[in-house]
Structure formats: C-alpha cells, structure tokens
Amino acid sequence: MSGKSYDTYNGVKVVCPFYKGEEPLDIRCEGIDPNGAVVNHFPHPTRKARYMHAYCESLQGCQGCLIYRLTMTKYP
C-alpha cells in the first residue's frame, strides 16, 4: 500500500490506504499495477468533494468504493 500525499486540505481527512493525492477534478489512487495509479475524474469539484466524503474519509466508506475493492485483490 502506498503513502498519502497531503497536497490539499482534503487530503488530510482521507483515511483510505490507497489514496495517493488529488487535483481539482481528480482523485489519484493506488493502481493494480505496482507502478501505476488509478485516476478518478469528476465533472465538477462538488461531485468530487461528495465522493471523497462518502468513500475516502472513512474506513466504512472505503469498503463501498469500487477502486478500493479492486485494489484489495492485490493483497490476499
């Protein structure tokens, strides 16, 4: 699992172990490939903020995230 990048205020609130960082409309997560990343792109910052609050900021929310579930398959 990768380390977190605290390049935004929102990043400090994230508890998901696969979070790698973000841009204004993107969330970067650990990818399936060891050297890769998955980028979740949103059409508006409000949509991204809602997603982060629902999935990235709690361990219970993480388990509902498809990216989290797919990435967990790397770790038996």
C-alpha atoms as a PDB file:
ATOM      1  CA  MET A   1       0.000   0.000   0.000  1.00  0.00           C
ATOM      2  CA  SER A   2       1.217   3.444  -0.802  1.00  0.00           C
ATOM      3  CA  GLY A   3       1.758   6.549   1.296  1.00  0.00           C
ATOM      4  CA  LYS A   4      -0.511   9.560   1.174  1.00  0.00           C
ATOM      5  CA  SER A   5       0.265  12.895  -0.424  1.00  0.00           C
ATOM      6  CA  TYR A   6      -1.047  15.787   1.653  1.00  0.00           C
ATOM      7  CA  ASP A   7      -1.060  18.334  -1.154  1.00  0.00           C
ATOM      8  CA  THR A   8      -4.550  19.638  -0.277  1.00  0.00           C
ATOM      9  CA  TYR A   9      -6.576  20.275   2.838  1.00  0.00           C
ATOM     10  CA  ASN A  10      -8.963  17.490   1.786  1.00  0.00           C
ATOM     11  CA  GLY A  11      -6.102  15.017   1.727  1.00  0.00           C
ATOM     12  CA  VAL A  12      -5.629  15.349   5.483  1.00  0.00           C
ATOM     13  CA  LYS A  13      -9.147  13.989   6.082  1.00  0.00           C
ATOM     14  CA  VAL A  14      -8.663  10.896   3.883  1.00  0.00           C
ATOM     15  CA  VAL A  15      -8.253   7.538   5.646  1.00  0.00           C
ATOM     16  CA  CYS A  16      -8.295   5.261   2.600  1.00  0.00           C
ATOM     17  CA  PRO A  17      -4.956   3.431   2.403  1.00  0.00           C
ATOM     18  CA  PHE A  18      -4.963   3.622  -1.412  1.00  0.00           C
ATOM     19  CA  TYR A  19      -5.299   7.409  -1.719  1.00  0.00           C
ATOM     20  CA  LYS A  20      -2.256   8.950  -3.411  1.00  0.00           C
ATOM     21  CA  GLY A  21      -3.302  12.564  -3.965  1.00  0.00           C
ATOM     22  CA  GLU A  22      -5.620  14.804  -5.913  1.00  0.00           C
ATOM     23  CA  GLU A  23      -6.080  17.612  -8.380  1.00  0.00           C
ATOM     24  CA  PRO A  24      -9.079  19.971  -8.580  1.00  0.00           C
ATOM     25  CA  LEU A  25     -11.178  17.414 -10.511  1.00  0.00           C
ATOM     26  CA  ASP A  26      -9.225  14.185  -9.923  1.00  0.00           C
ATOM     27  CA  ILE A  27      -8.518  11.714  -7.139  1.00  0.00           C
ATOM     28  CA  ARG A  28      -5.396   9.550  -7.595  1.00  0.00           C
ATOM     29  CA  CYS A  29      -5.390   6.104  -6.019  1.00  0.00           C
ATOM     30  CA  GLU A  30      -3.007   3.175  -5.931  1.00  0.00           C
ATOM     31  CA  GLY A  31      -3.429   1.099  -9.058  1.00  0.00           C
ATOM     32  CA  ILE A  32      -3.490  -2.608  -9.720  1.00  0.00           C
ATOM     33  CA  ASP A  33      -0.039  -2.399 -11.349  1.00  0.00           C
ATOM     34  CA  PRO A  34       2.717  -1.821  -8.747  1.00  0.00           C
ATOM     35  CA  ASN A  35       3.959   1.289 -10.556  1.00  0.00           C
ATOM     36  CA  GLY A  36       0.568   2.560 -11.672  1.00  0.00           C
ATOM     37  CA  ALA A  37      -2.230   4.738 -10.377  1.00  0.00           C
ATOM     38  CA  VAL A  38      -5.950   4.994 -10.981  1.00  0.00           C
ATOM     39  CA  VAL A  39      -7.351   8.458 -11.616  1.00  0.00           C
ATOM     40  CA  ASN A  40     -11.000   9.064 -10.806  1.00  0.00           C
ATOM     41  CA  HIS A  41     -12.026  12.180 -12.796  1.00  0.00           C
ATOM     42  CA  PHE A  42     -15.107  14.241 -11.885  1.00  0.00           C
ATOM     43  CA  PRO A  43     -17.024  16.813 -13.963  1.00  0.00           C
ATOM     44  CA  HIS A  44     -17.287  19.315 -11.076  1.00  0.00           C
ATOM     45  CA  PRO A  45     -15.439  19.934  -7.780  1.00  0.00           C
ATOM     46  CA  THR A  46     -18.668  19.485  -5.805  1.00  0.00           C
ATOM     47  CA  ARG A  47     -19.124  15.958  -7.179  1.00  0.00           C
ATOM     48  CA  LYS A  48     -15.523  15.125  -6.269  1.00  0.00           C
ATOM     49  CA  ALA A  49     -15.972  16.503  -2.742  1.00  0.00           C
ATOM     50  CA  ARG A  50     -19.135  14.423  -2.228  1.00  0.00           C
ATOM     51  CA  TYR A  51     -17.337  11.291  -3.437  1.00  0.00           C
ATOM     52  CA  MET A  52     -14.374  11.923  -1.140  1.00  0.00           C
ATOM     53  CA  HIS A  53     -16.658  12.458   1.834  1.00  0.00           C
ATOM     54  CA  ALA A  54     -18.661   9.299   1.089  1.00  0.00           C
ATOM     55  CA  TYR A  55     -15.789   6.938   0.229  1.00  0.00           C
ATOM     56  CA  CYS A  56     -12.342   8.310   1.081  1.00  0.00           C
ATOM     57  CA  GLU A  57     -12.839   9.817   4.533  1.00  0.00           C
ATOM     58  CA  SER A  58     -13.993   6.743   6.462  1.00  0.00           C
ATOM     59  CA  LEU A  59     -12.937   3.120   6.623  1.00  0.00           C
ATOM     60  CA  GLN A  60     -16.550   2.025   6.246  1.00  0.00           C
ATOM     61  CA  GLY A  61     -16.921   4.248   3.163  1.00  0.00           C
ATOM     62  CA  CYS A  62     -13.736   2.866   1.624  1.00  0.00           C
ATOM     63  CA  GLN A  63     -15.250  -0.593   1.547  1.00  0.00           C
ATOM     64  CA  GLY A  64     -18.040   0.695  -0.706  1.00  0.00           C
ATOM     65  CA  CYS A  65     -15.589   2.146  -3.251  1.00  0.00           C
ATOM     66  CA  LEU A  66     -15.049   0.049  -6.372  1.00  0.00           C
ATOM     67  CA  ILE A  67     -11.427   1.223  -6.688  1.00  0.00           C
ATOM     68  CA  TYR A  68     -10.759   0.147  -3.089  1.00  0.00           C
ATOM     69  CA  ARG A  69     -12.337  -3.274  -3.636  1.00  0.00           C
ATOM     70  CA  LEU A  70     -10.398  -3.880  -6.855  1.00  0.00           C
ATOM     71  CA  THR A  71      -7.103  -2.782  -5.318  1.00  0.00           C
ATOM     72  CA  MET A  72      -7.679  -5.038  -2.287  1.00  0.00           C
ATOM     73  CA  THR A  73      -7.460  -8.040  -4.638  1.00  0.00           C
ATOM     74  CA  LYS A  74      -3.691  -7.415  -4.757  1.00  0.00           C
ATOM     75  CA  TYR A  75      -3.417  -8.118  -1.038  1.00  0.00           C
ATOM     76  CA  PRO A  76      -4.531 -11.672  -0.135  1.00  0.00           C
END
